[in-house]
């Protein structure tokens, strides 16, 4: 009887942070008396009973403990109205129970950062850096639900740091580093020449992809320029900038409740239209079929294999979906995949799994994982070096892939003729025609990323000519897999406009043969779930605690 009384009397406050995908929860009791702790996947969260429970909430991808607060990070596709009620409930129940925050004292001691403890071996410069970080920087960053770790001083005077908690992946982090931390350290410590942030493995891989693209643009455009006009682009210089958005962190998730993809690209397009950058590089499947005024897709890179792939839990013997026993749990965050696979594998259980690729793989392989397998886009797995973990590819008729999956697209300002010419010189026309046909189909279906639309495209090129035969298959499947509409159109095409017409015609056939009824049912289902989420948020608000 005592615990329910404590549960009802607890009042948890929330504070927003500069990162819209992180919230700071203040339970009114101490969390970590000393230090901080961060959990980015299920494996690391196993040391803390609270962290593992929070990480088990659908949509939560990180947990951070401060002295008197808990910062929870979500994926970009999940609305706070969906996850906040369960986070409130979990925090209230845990802090009212009197349970230890960590499973052992060893886990507790290993969790908190030891980075700013001044050691006898530290030089005078390093000791001053640590003191300033501990006394001036860390308290300010903790106010925003984050933390900073000291990672060393380079020989040429650069302080290496790692931002954590709500600061991880925040668009303001660069400003925080350069305008705040760097300026202060350089003012008080002349030996400091600058501050640089240490990147995680996945951030390094993403940056490497941009650098490879930069090299290709410079190389291929340079060759074309020499052929056409040696002096035309002699002053061209290409510089890349990496900007992380919420959508970039989760490339395969369907925005079912949000009903659109603009969330993945809008911050980037603001920078583009403001002239801060001249080109944006997107995963083409994450780009809305309707772009903001003043923006256009001007380049499309050669497509990787667009199929989806099965990844089985490490140590399990299965090599195909057909091998999984009845009742096996398959993780995927795509309503398209679930809808299609429910038709063919009704005895399997499909469960949401969210987070970036490394997080999903950790969730799959964790000892307490509920998943027997997960399904991911092959292209993403290969790009970050996880290709060897793929168990089997899932192509048609088992699974039709997402529109434009596996391709990279370059977005520019519509009035930038120079950028358009540059993009044209590196565009792979068969990929562009195929993707634009798929996107035209999706645009007519009015599906965006929020409905189970699958496609498969083959473009049979005529040797030595920029034309070919386009074979485009599209399907729309109800959420429960009970209804499925599928059709194929084969046409000779001699331009990208003709390819888009094939996509439009395919969509019209799908609508006429049953897709409209499926789309209307899905729209109604989404609206009902949004209403339930809003009601759940009101029921779980702090004031009602």
Protein backbone atom coordinates (compact mmCIF):
# COMPACT_ATOMS: atom_id res chain seq x y z
CA UNK A 1 0.00 0.00 0.00
CA UNK A 2 2.95 2.32 0.56
CA UNK A 3 4.31 2.26 -2.96
CA UNK A 4 1.08 3.37 -4.69
CA UNK A 5 0.92 6.35 -2.32
CA UNK A 6 4.44 7.39 -3.31
CA UNK A 7 3.61 6.80 -6.96
CA UNK A 8 0.61 9.11 -6.86
CA UNK A 9 2.41 11.88 -5.00
CA UNK A 10 5.41 12.11 -7.32
CA UNK A 11 5.49 15.08 -9.69
CA UNK A 12 7.78 14.89 -12.70
CA UNK A 13 8.64 18.06 -14.58
CA UNK A 14 9.85 18.18 -18.15
CA UNK A 15 12.08 20.73 -19.82
CA UNK A 16 12.71 21.09 -23.53
CA UNK A 17 16.27 21.03 -24.85
CA UNK A 18 17.87 22.53 -27.98
CA UNK A 19 17.47 19.05 -29.50
CA UNK A 20 13.80 18.57 -30.41
CA UNK A 21 14.21 14.78 -30.13
CA UNK A 22 15.39 14.94 -26.49
CA UNK A 23 13.43 15.85 -23.36
CA UNK A 24 14.76 16.44 -19.86
CA UNK A 25 12.68 14.73 -17.16
CA UNK A 26 13.16 16.04 -13.60
CA UNK A 27 11.71 13.59 -11.02
CA UNK A 28 12.35 15.81 -7.98
CA UNK A 29 14.73 13.28 -6.42
CA UNK A 30 18.47 12.69 -6.95
CA UNK A 31 19.35 10.58 -9.96
CA UNK A 32 23.17 10.39 -9.97
CA UNK A 33 24.78 12.05 -6.98
CA UNK A 34 28.06 12.26 -8.87
CA UNK A 35 28.87 12.06 -12.57
CA UNK A 36 26.64 11.14 -15.50
CA UNK A 37 25.81 8.01 -17.48
CA UNK A 38 24.65 7.48 -21.06
CA UNK A 39 22.97 4.46 -22.69
CA UNK A 40 22.73 4.32 -26.48
CA UNK A 41 21.61 0.72 -26.98
CA UNK A 42 20.07 -2.22 -25.17
CA UNK A 43 23.44 -3.83 -24.43
CA UNK A 44 24.80 -0.85 -22.51
CA UNK A 45 21.44 -0.39 -20.72
CA UNK A 46 21.65 -3.85 -19.17
CA UNK A 47 23.68 -2.37 -16.29
CA UNK A 48 20.76 -0.19 -15.16
CA UNK A 49 17.20 -1.45 -14.43
CA UNK A 50 15.71 1.95 -15.24
CA UNK A 51 17.64 2.40 -18.48
CA UNK A 52 16.67 -1.03 -19.82
CA UNK A 53 12.99 -0.31 -19.11
CA UNK A 54 13.15 3.08 -20.82
CA UNK A 55 14.98 1.62 -23.82
CA UNK A 56 12.20 -0.94 -24.12
CA UNK A 57 9.65 1.79 -24.86
CA UNK A 58 8.94 1.95 -28.59
CA UNK A 59 10.54 5.06 -30.05
CA UNK A 60 13.14 5.61 -27.29
CA UNK A 61 16.69 5.39 -28.60
CA UNK A 62 18.84 6.84 -25.80
CA UNK A 63 18.84 7.48 -22.05
CA UNK A 64 21.08 9.88 -20.15
CA UNK A 65 21.40 10.29 -16.37
CA UNK A 66 22.38 13.63 -14.84
CA UNK A 67 22.64 14.61 -11.16
CA UNK A 68 18.90 15.31 -10.80
CA UNK A 69 17.43 14.57 -14.22
CA UNK A 70 16.97 11.91 -16.88
CA UNK A 71 17.23 12.92 -20.53
CA UNK A 72 15.37 10.64 -22.92
CA UNK A 73 16.07 10.72 -26.66
CA UNK A 74 13.57 9.45 -29.21
CA UNK A 75 13.79 8.70 -32.90
CA UNK A 76 12.63 11.42 -35.26
CA UNK A 77 9.54 9.55 -36.41
CA UNK A 78 7.93 9.14 -33.00
CA UNK A 79 5.80 11.91 -31.53
CA UNK A 80 6.37 12.89 -27.90
CA UNK A 81 2.62 12.54 -27.39
CA UNK A 82 3.06 8.79 -28.05
CA UNK A 83 6.00 8.04 -25.74
CA UNK A 84 5.72 10.61 -22.91
CA UNK A 85 2.92 8.86 -21.00
CA UNK A 86 4.88 5.61 -20.80
CA UNK A 87 8.10 7.45 -19.87
CA UNK A 88 6.26 9.26 -17.05
CA UNK A 89 4.83 5.98 -15.78
CA UNK A 90 8.20 4.20 -15.91
CA UNK A 91 10.02 7.01 -14.08
CA UNK A 92 7.32 7.34 -11.41
CA UNK A 93 7.21 3.63 -10.71
CA UNK A 94 11.00 3.28 -10.58
CA UNK A 95 11.79 6.24 -8.34
CA UNK A 96 8.90 5.35 -6.03
CA UNK A 97 10.19 1.78 -5.63
CA UNK A 98 13.49 2.64 -3.99
CA UNK A 99 15.30 0.35 -6.43
CA UNK A 100 18.99 0.93 -7.11
CA UNK A 101 19.82 2.81 -10.29
CA UNK A 102 22.53 0.28 -11.20
CA UNK A 103 22.71 -3.47 -10.81
CA UNK A 104 26.02 -3.30 -8.93
CA UNK A 105 28.37 -0.78 -7.42
CA UNK A 106 30.93 -1.74 -10.08
CA UNK A 107 28.46 -0.79 -12.81
CA UNK A 108 27.80 2.50 -11.04
CA UNK A 109 31.49 3.38 -10.77
CA UNK A 110 32.11 2.48 -14.41
CA UNK A 111 29.15 4.58 -15.66
CA UNK A 112 30.14 8.09 -14.59
CA UNK A 113 32.75 9.96 -16.64
CA UNK A 114 36.24 10.08 -15.19
CA UNK A 115 37.45 12.47 -17.88
CA UNK A 116 37.89 15.70 -15.89
CA UNK A 117 39.61 14.26 -12.83
CA UNK A 118 42.97 15.99 -12.63
CA UNK A 119 45.77 13.42 -12.50
CA UNK A 120 49.33 13.78 -11.25
CA UNK A 121 50.52 13.03 -14.76
CA UNK A 122 48.50 15.88 -16.33
CA UNK A 123 50.40 18.86 -17.66
CA UNK A 124 49.49 22.33 -16.43
CA UNK A 125 47.61 22.98 -19.69
CA UNK A 126 45.56 19.79 -19.48
CA UNK A 127 44.75 20.45 -15.81
CA UNK A 128 43.46 23.92 -16.69
CA UNK A 129 41.35 22.52 -19.55
CA UNK A 130 39.79 19.92 -17.26
CA UNK A 131 39.07 22.50 -14.56
CA UNK A 132 37.32 24.84 -17.01
CA UNK A 133 35.29 22.00 -18.54
CA UNK A 134 34.24 20.78 -15.10
CA UNK A 135 33.45 24.13 -13.48
CA UNK A 136 32.30 26.34 -16.38
CA UNK A 137 31.20 24.17 -19.32
CA UNK A 138 29.65 21.04 -17.83
CA UNK A 139 27.11 22.87 -15.59
CA UNK A 140 25.86 24.94 -18.54
CA UNK A 141 25.48 21.93 -20.83
CA UNK A 142 23.71 19.95 -18.10
CA UNK A 143 21.09 22.71 -17.98
CA UNK A 144 20.17 21.59 -21.50
CA UNK A 145 20.07 17.91 -20.51
CA UNK A 146 23.49 16.97 -21.86
CA UNK A 147 27.11 16.57 -20.90
CA UNK A 148 30.61 16.87 -22.32
CA UNK A 149 33.55 14.48 -22.10
CA UNK A 150 37.20 15.46 -22.39
CA UNK A 151 38.91 13.14 -24.88
CA UNK A 152 42.42 14.59 -25.02
CA UNK A 153 44.67 17.38 -26.29
CA UNK A 154 46.40 16.97 -29.65
CA UNK A 155 50.04 17.89 -30.22
CA UNK A 156 48.96 20.92 -32.24
CA UNK A 157 46.75 22.31 -29.46
CA UNK A 158 43.26 21.06 -30.32
CA UNK A 159 41.02 19.94 -27.45
CA UNK A 160 39.04 16.81 -28.35
CA UNK A 161 35.62 16.51 -26.71
CA UNK A 162 32.48 14.38 -27.02
CA UNK A 163 28.99 15.83 -26.53
CA UNK A 164 26.45 13.53 -24.88
CA UNK A 165 22.80 13.39 -23.87
CA UNK A 166 20.55 15.94 -25.61
CA UNK A 167 23.64 17.53 -27.21
CA UNK A 168 24.31 14.37 -29.22
CA UNK A 169 23.13 14.94 -32.81
CA UNK A 170 21.75 18.40 -31.97
CA UNK A 171 21.95 20.93 -34.81
CA UNK A 172 23.17 23.58 -32.32
CA UNK A 173 26.14 21.48 -31.18
CA UNK A 174 28.51 23.07 -33.68
CA UNK A 175 27.57 26.53 -32.42
CA UNK A 176 28.04 25.33 -28.83
CA UNK A 177 31.52 24.02 -29.63
CA UNK A 178 32.80 26.93 -31.70
CA UNK A 179 31.05 29.99 -30.27
CA UNK A 180 31.02 28.84 -26.65
CA UNK A 181 33.53 26.21 -25.58
CA UNK A 182 36.28 26.95 -28.09
CA UNK A 183 36.18 30.71 -27.54
CA UNK A 184 36.33 30.35 -23.75
CA UNK A 185 39.18 27.82 -23.71
CA UNK A 186 41.24 29.85 -26.18
CA UNK A 187 40.68 33.00 -24.11
CA UNK A 188 41.92 31.51 -20.83
CA UNK A 189 44.49 29.05 -22.18
CA UNK A 190 46.78 30.42 -24.96
CA UNK A 191 48.06 26.91 -25.74
CA UNK A 192 44.59 25.90 -26.98
CA UNK A 193 44.21 26.48 -30.73
CA UNK A 194 40.72 25.06 -31.17
CA UNK A 195 38.13 22.46 -30.18
CA UNK A 196 37.02 19.45 -32.23
CA UNK A 197 34.27 16.96 -31.57
CA UNK A 198 34.94 13.23 -31.53
CA UNK A 199 32.50 11.39 -33.80
CA UNK A 200 30.85 8.05 -33.19
CA UNK A 201 31.48 5.22 -35.67
CA UNK A 202 28.22 5.81 -37.51
CA UNK A 203 28.83 9.57 -37.73
CA UNK A 204 32.30 8.88 -39.17
CA UNK A 205 30.82 6.51 -41.76
CA UNK A 206 28.24 9.08 -42.82
CA UNK A 207 30.90 11.77 -43.15
CA UNK A 208 33.05 9.37 -45.17
CA UNK A 209 30.13 8.85 -47.59
CA UNK A 210 29.94 12.62 -48.16
CA UNK A 211 33.69 12.80 -48.78
CA UNK A 212 33.47 9.99 -51.34
CA UNK A 213 30.65 11.84 -53.10
CA UNK A 214 32.71 15.03 -53.09
CA UNK A 215 35.62 13.22 -54.74
CA UNK A 216 33.33 11.74 -57.36
CA UNK A 217 31.73 15.11 -58.13
CA UNK A 218 35.12 16.75 -58.50
CA UNK A 219 36.57 13.93 -60.62
CA UNK A 220 33.62 13.29 -62.94
CA UNK A 221 32.64 16.92 -63.38
CA UNK A 222 36.27 17.82 -64.04
CA UNK A 223 36.47 15.28 -66.86
CA UNK A 224 33.30 16.60 -68.50
CA UNK A 225 34.45 20.19 -68.16
CA UNK A 226 37.73 19.41 -69.92
CA UNK A 227 35.84 17.87 -72.83
CA UNK A 228 33.39 20.72 -73.23
CA UNK A 229 35.25 23.86 -72.22
CA UNK A 230 38.59 23.73 -70.39
CA UNK A 231 38.17 27.18 -68.85
CA UNK A 232 34.45 27.00 -68.08
CA UNK A 233 34.77 25.69 -64.53
CA UNK A 234 38.37 26.37 -63.66
CA UNK A 235 37.37 28.18 -60.47
CA UNK A 236 35.12 25.36 -59.19
CA UNK A 237 35.81 24.32 -55.59
CA UNK A 238 33.70 21.73 -53.78
CA UNK A 239 33.37 21.79 -49.99
CA UNK A 240 31.21 19.40 -47.98
CA UNK A 241 29.38 20.08 -44.72
CA UNK A 242 27.75 17.40 -42.58
CA UNK A 243 24.40 18.24 -40.97
CA UNK A 244 22.53 15.57 -39.00
CA UNK A 245 18.72 15.69 -38.94
CA UNK A 246 16.33 13.46 -37.12
CA UNK A 247 15.49 11.55 -40.27
CA UNK A 248 19.13 10.85 -41.08
CA UNK A 249 19.40 8.78 -37.94
CA UNK A 250 16.81 6.28 -39.08
CA UNK A 251 16.76 5.76 -42.81
CA UNK A 252 14.15 3.00 -43.07
CA UNK A 253 11.39 4.07 -40.66
CA UNK A 254 7.94 4.81 -42.11
CA UNK A 255 6.41 8.01 -40.77
CA UNK A 256 3.04 6.38 -40.30
CA UNK A 257 1.51 8.63 -37.66
CA UNK A 258 3.16 11.79 -38.96
CA UNK A 259 2.03 11.06 -42.49
CA UNK A 260 4.93 12.68 -44.32
CA UNK A 261 8.67 12.73 -45.03
CA UNK A 262 9.33 16.47 -44.86
CA UNK A 263 10.64 15.97 -41.33
CA UNK A 264 13.70 14.29 -42.85
CA UNK A 265 14.61 17.18 -45.14
CA UNK A 266 13.06 20.45 -43.96
CA UNK A 267 16.03 21.64 -41.84
CA UNK A 268 18.37 21.01 -44.76
CA UNK A 269 16.13 22.83 -47.23
CA UNK A 270 16.08 25.90 -44.98
CA UNK A 271 19.89 25.96 -45.20
CA UNK A 272 19.74 25.42 -48.98
CA UNK A 273 17.27 28.23 -49.66
CA UNK A 274 19.20 30.56 -47.36
CA UNK A 275 22.33 30.01 -49.45
CA UNK A 276 24.27 28.39 -46.62
CA UNK A 277 24.84 25.33 -48.83
CA UNK A 278 24.44 24.81 -52.58
CA UNK A 279 23.55 21.10 -52.69
CA UNK A 280 21.86 18.58 -50.43
CA UNK A 281 22.58 14.86 -50.64
CA UNK A 282 19.64 12.68 -49.59
CA UNK A 283 18.69 9.07 -49.43
CA UNK A 284 16.20 9.40 -52.30
CA UNK A 285 13.52 7.33 -50.57
CA UNK A 286 13.40 9.88 -47.74
CA UNK A 287 12.65 12.82 -50.04
CA UNK A 288 8.99 13.93 -50.27
CA UNK A 289 7.42 13.59 -53.72
CA UNK A 290 6.52 17.30 -53.52
CA UNK A 291 9.43 19.66 -52.80
CA UNK A 292 9.22 23.18 -51.35
CA UNK A 293 9.00 26.03 -53.90
CA UNK A 294 12.46 26.94 -55.11
CA UNK A 295 13.95 23.45 -54.69
CA UNK A 296 14.47 20.63 -57.18
CA UNK A 297 16.18 17.27 -57.53
CA UNK A 298 18.94 17.80 -60.09
CA UNK A 299 21.09 14.69 -59.73
CA UNK A 300 20.61 11.00 -59.00
CA UNK A 301 23.55 8.67 -58.29
CA UNK A 302 23.83 5.06 -59.44
CA UNK A 303 21.51 2.92 -57.40
CA UNK A 304 22.67 0.25 -54.99
CA UNK A 305 20.68 -2.99 -54.82
CA UNK A 306 17.27 -1.74 -53.54
CA UNK A 307 16.04 -5.00 -52.01
CA UNK A 308 15.27 -5.53 -48.34
CA UNK A 309 17.25 -8.12 -46.41
CA UNK A 310 16.68 -10.60 -43.60
CA UNK A 311 19.14 -10.51 -40.68
CA UNK A 312 18.87 -13.41 -38.23
CA UNK A 313 19.90 -13.17 -34.56
CA UNK A 314 23.53 -14.15 -34.11
CA UNK A 315 23.89 -17.87 -33.41
CA UNK A 316 20.53 -18.91 -34.85
CA UNK A 317 20.50 -21.53 -37.64
CA UNK A 318 17.80 -20.10 -39.92
CA UNK A 319 18.72 -18.91 -43.42
CA UNK A 320 15.29 -17.95 -44.81
CA UNK A 321 12.05 -16.47 -43.54
CA UNK A 322 10.46 -19.81 -44.34
CA UNK A 323 12.79 -21.47 -41.81
CA UNK A 324 11.58 -19.41 -38.82
CA UNK A 325 9.31 -21.37 -36.43
CA UNK A 326 5.70 -20.24 -35.99
CA UNK A 327 5.49 -17.40 -33.48
CA UNK A 328 9.01 -16.11 -34.21
CA UNK A 329 9.32 -12.36 -33.69
CA UNK A 330 10.57 -10.35 -36.67
CA UNK A 331 11.53 -6.73 -36.12
CA UNK A 332 10.89 -3.99 -38.66
CA UNK A 333 9.81 -0.38 -38.42
CA UNK A 334 8.21 -0.30 -41.89
CA UNK A 335 4.46 -0.71 -42.32
CA UNK A 336 5.15 -1.60 -45.96
CA UNK A 337 7.24 -4.62 -44.96
CA UNK A 338 4.82 -5.74 -42.26
CA UNK A 339 1.78 -5.50 -44.53
CA UNK A 340 3.37 -7.49 -47.37
CA UNK A 341 4.91 -10.14 -45.14
CA UNK A 342 1.74 -10.71 -43.14
CA UNK A 343 0.18 -11.97 -46.38
CA UNK A 344 2.81 -14.66 -46.88
CA UNK A 345 3.85 -15.40 -43.29
CA UNK A 346 0.74 -15.05 -41.13
CA UNK A 347 2.21 -17.20 -38.33
CA UNK A 348 5.16 -14.90 -37.73
CA UNK A 349 4.91 -12.01 -35.24
CA UNK A 350 6.03 -8.58 -36.44
CA UNK A 351 7.22 -6.04 -33.87
CA UNK A 352 8.49 -2.48 -34.20
CA UNK A 353 12.25 -2.03 -33.86
CA UNK A 354 13.62 1.49 -34.06
CA UNK A 355 16.90 3.37 -33.94
CA UNK A 356 19.84 3.60 -36.31
CA UNK A 357 21.27 0.45 -37.89
CA UNK A 358 23.84 -0.19 -35.17
CA UNK A 359 21.17 0.25 -32.48
CA UNK A 360 18.83 -2.18 -34.24
CA UNK A 361 21.58 -4.75 -34.60
CA UNK A 362 22.39 -4.41 -30.90
CA UNK A 363 18.73 -4.90 -30.03
CA UNK A 364 18.61 -8.02 -32.21
CA UNK A 365 21.72 -9.62 -30.67
CA UNK A 366 21.10 -8.63 -27.03
CA UNK A 367 20.73 -11.65 -24.68
CA UNK A 368 17.26 -10.49 -23.64
CA UNK A 369 16.20 -9.54 -27.16
CA UNK A 370 12.59 -10.34 -28.11
CA UNK A 371 13.62 -10.56 -31.78
CA UNK A 372 14.55 -13.67 -33.73
CA UNK A 373 15.32 -11.64 -36.85
CA UNK A 374 14.97 -8.14 -38.27
CA UNK A 375 14.48 -6.77 -41.78
CA UNK A 376 16.53 -3.87 -43.09
CA UNK A 377 17.40 -2.23 -46.41
CA UNK A 378 20.37 -4.01 -47.97
CA UNK A 379 21.90 -0.76 -49.28
CA UNK A 380 22.16 0.76 -45.79
CA UNK A 381 23.71 -2.38 -44.33
CA UNK A 382 26.33 -2.52 -47.07
CA UNK A 383 27.14 1.20 -46.82
CA UNK A 384 28.09 0.98 -43.14
CA UNK A 385 30.03 -2.27 -43.49
CA UNK A 386 27.43 -4.68 -42.10
CA UNK A 387 26.86 -6.56 -45.36
CA UNK A 388 28.30 -9.84 -43.96
CA UNK A 389 25.48 -9.95 -41.37
CA UNK A 390 22.82 -10.22 -44.09
CA UNK A 391 21.21 -13.66 -44.00
CA UNK A 392 19.09 -13.46 -47.16
CA UNK A 393 17.74 -10.90 -49.60
CA UNK A 394 13.97 -10.51 -49.85
CA UNK A 395 12.93 -9.52 -53.35
CA UNK A 396 9.66 -9.90 -55.28
CA UNK A 397 7.30 -11.64 -55.00
CA UNK A 398 8.10 -11.96 -51.28
CA UNK A 399 8.74 -8.28 -50.70
CA UNK A 400 8.52 -5.25 -52.99
CA UNK A 401 10.96 -2.51 -51.93
CA UNK A 402 10.27 1.13 -51.03
CA UNK A 403 10.09 3.83 -53.70
CA UNK A 404 13.61 5.09 -54.64
CA UNK A 405 15.25 2.78 -52.08
CA UNK A 406 19.00 2.38 -52.57
CA UNK A 407 19.56 5.64 -54.48
CA UNK A 408 21.12 8.95 -53.49
CA UNK A 409 19.64 12.21 -54.80
CA UNK A 410 21.09 15.72 -54.98
CA UNK A 411 18.78 18.65 -54.29
CA UNK A 412 19.59 22.21 -55.41
CA UNK A 413 17.98 25.64 -55.60
CA UNK A 414 15.81 25.83 -58.72
CA UNK A 415 17.58 29.00 -59.92
CA UNK A 416 21.11 27.58 -59.64
CA UNK A 417 22.03 26.72 -63.23
CA UNK A 418 25.66 26.01 -62.39
CA UNK A 419 24.72 23.43 -59.76
CA UNK A 420 22.22 21.86 -62.17
CA UNK A 421 24.92 21.44 -64.83
CA UNK A 422 27.28 19.93 -62.28
CA UNK A 423 24.64 17.43 -61.12
CA UNK A 424 23.72 16.50 -64.68
CA UNK A 425 27.31 15.47 -65.37
CA UNK A 426 27.27 12.82 -62.64
CA UNK A 427 23.66 11.63 -62.89
CA UNK A 428 23.10 7.94 -63.70
CA UNK A 429 20.16 8.24 -66.08
CA UNK A 430 18.82 4.66 -65.74
CA UNK A 431 18.59 5.15 -61.96
CA UNK A 432 16.99 8.57 -62.37
CA UNK A 433 14.36 7.32 -64.81
CA UNK A 434 13.53 4.31 -62.65
CA UNK A 435 13.25 6.35 -59.44
CA UNK A 436 11.24 9.13 -61.02
CA UNK A 437 8.78 6.58 -62.40
CA UNK A 438 8.39 5.09 -58.90
CA UNK A 439 7.98 8.53 -57.32
CA UNK A 440 5.37 9.56 -59.89
CA UNK A 441 3.37 6.47 -58.96
CA UNK A 442 3.64 7.30 -55.26
CA UNK A 443 2.68 10.93 -55.85
CA UNK A 444 -0.56 9.97 -57.60
CA UNK A 445 -1.35 7.44 -54.86
CA UNK A 446 -0.97 10.28 -52.33
CA UNK A 447 0.78 7.79 -50.13
CA UNK A 448 3.99 9.56 -49.20
CA UNK A 449 5.87 7.36 -46.79
CA UNK A 450 2.82 6.57 -44.70
CA UNK A 451 1.23 3.67 -46.57
CA UNK A 452 2.40 0.20 -47.64
CA UNK A 453 3.38 0.97 -51.24
CA UNK A 454 5.95 -1.37 -52.76
CA UNK A 455 7.63 -1.28 -56.17
CA UNK A 456 10.03 -3.18 -58.39
CA UNK A 457 11.59 -1.61 -61.48
CA UNK A 458 13.63 -2.93 -64.37
CA UNK A 459 14.95 -0.70 -67.17
CA UNK A 460 16.24 -2.66 -70.16
CA UNK A 461 18.61 -0.22 -71.82
CA UNK A 462 19.10 -0.16 -75.58
CA UNK A 463 22.78 -0.51 -76.31
CA UNK A 464 24.43 2.81 -77.07
CA UNK A 465 21.22 4.79 -76.70
CA UNK A 466 19.56 6.79 -73.92
CA UNK A 467 16.30 4.85 -74.07
CA UNK A 468 14.95 1.45 -73.14
CA UNK A 469 12.03 -0.66 -72.00
CA UNK A 470 10.72 0.16 -68.51
CA UNK A 471 9.03 -2.61 -66.54
CA UNK A 472 7.40 -1.17 -63.42
CA UNK A 473 5.47 -3.19 -60.82
CA UNK A 474 3.64 -1.54 -57.97
CA UNK A 475 1.53 -2.82 -55.09
CA UNK A 476 -0.59 -1.45 -52.26
CA UNK A 477 -1.32 -3.68 -49.25
CA UNK A 478 -3.68 -3.21 -46.31
CA UNK A 479 -2.12 -2.94 -42.86
CA UNK A 480 -3.28 -6.44 -41.88
CA UNK A 481 -2.14 -7.97 -45.17
CA UNK A 482 -5.65 -9.13 -46.04
CA UNK A 483 -6.03 -6.92 -49.12
CA UNK A 484 -3.39 -6.61 -51.81
CA UNK A 485 -3.48 -4.87 -55.18
CA UNK A 486 -0.62 -5.41 -57.64
CA UNK A 487 -0.06 -4.48 -61.28
CA UNK A 488 2.79 -4.30 -63.82
CA UNK A 489 3.22 -1.96 -66.81
CA UNK A 490 5.85 -2.46 -69.52
CA UNK A 491 6.54 0.46 -71.88
CA UNK A 492 9.28 1.74 -74.16
CA UNK A 493 10.57 5.07 -72.83
CA UNK A 494 12.82 7.66 -74.48
CA UNK A 495 12.84 10.37 -71.80
CA UNK A 496 12.47 10.84 -68.07
CA UNK A 497 9.06 12.41 -68.70
CA UNK A 498 7.87 9.25 -70.44
CA UNK A 499 9.16 7.20 -67.50
CA UNK A 500 7.15 9.37 -65.11
CA UNK A 501 4.03 8.83 -67.23
CA UNK A 502 4.46 5.08 -66.76
CA UNK A 503 4.45 5.64 -62.99
CA UNK A 504 1.35 7.82 -63.13
CA UNK A 505 -0.51 5.30 -65.29
CA UNK A 506 0.43 2.47 -62.93
CA UNK A 507 -0.97 4.41 -59.97
CA UNK A 508 -4.25 5.01 -61.79
CA UNK A 509 -4.63 1.29 -62.51
CA UNK A 510 -3.90 0.44 -58.86
CA UNK A 511 -6.51 2.94 -57.68
CA UNK A 512 -9.12 1.59 -60.09
CA UNK A 513 -8.51 -2.01 -58.98
CA UNK A 514 -8.83 -1.53 -55.20
CA UNK A 515 -6.02 0.67 -53.92
CA UNK A 516 -8.36 3.58 -53.15
CA UNK A 517 -10.31 1.52 -50.62
CA UNK A 518 -7.07 0.43 -48.93
CA UNK A 519 -5.75 4.01 -48.82
CA UNK A 520 -8.99 5.32 -47.30
CA UNK A 521 -8.89 2.63 -44.58
CA UNK A 522 -5.27 3.48 -43.78
CA UNK A 523 -6.05 7.20 -43.54
CA UNK A 524 -8.87 6.48 -41.09
CA UNK A 525 -6.64 4.17 -39.04
CA UNK A 526 -3.91 6.82 -38.81
CA UNK A 527 -6.35 9.50 -37.69
CA UNK A 528 -7.75 7.21 -35.00
CA UNK A 529 -4.25 6.42 -33.69
CA UNK A 530 -3.34 10.08 -33.55
CA UNK A 531 -6.48 10.78 -31.50
CA UNK A 532 -5.61 7.93 -29.14
CA UNK A 533 -2.06 9.25 -28.77
CA UNK A 534 -3.32 12.72 -27.92
CA UNK A 535 -5.75 11.26 -25.39
CA UNK A 536 -2.96 9.18 -23.86
CA UNK A 537 -0.77 12.26 -23.51
CA UNK A 538 -3.53 14.14 -21.71
CA UNK A 539 -4.10 11.17 -19.42
CA UNK A 540 -0.38 10.88 -18.66
CA UNK A 541 0.42 14.56 -18.18
CA UNK A 542 2.52 15.44 -15.09
CA UNK A 543 -0.30 17.45 -13.60
CA UNK A 544 -2.33 14.28 -13.25
CA UNK A 545 0.39 12.42 -11.40
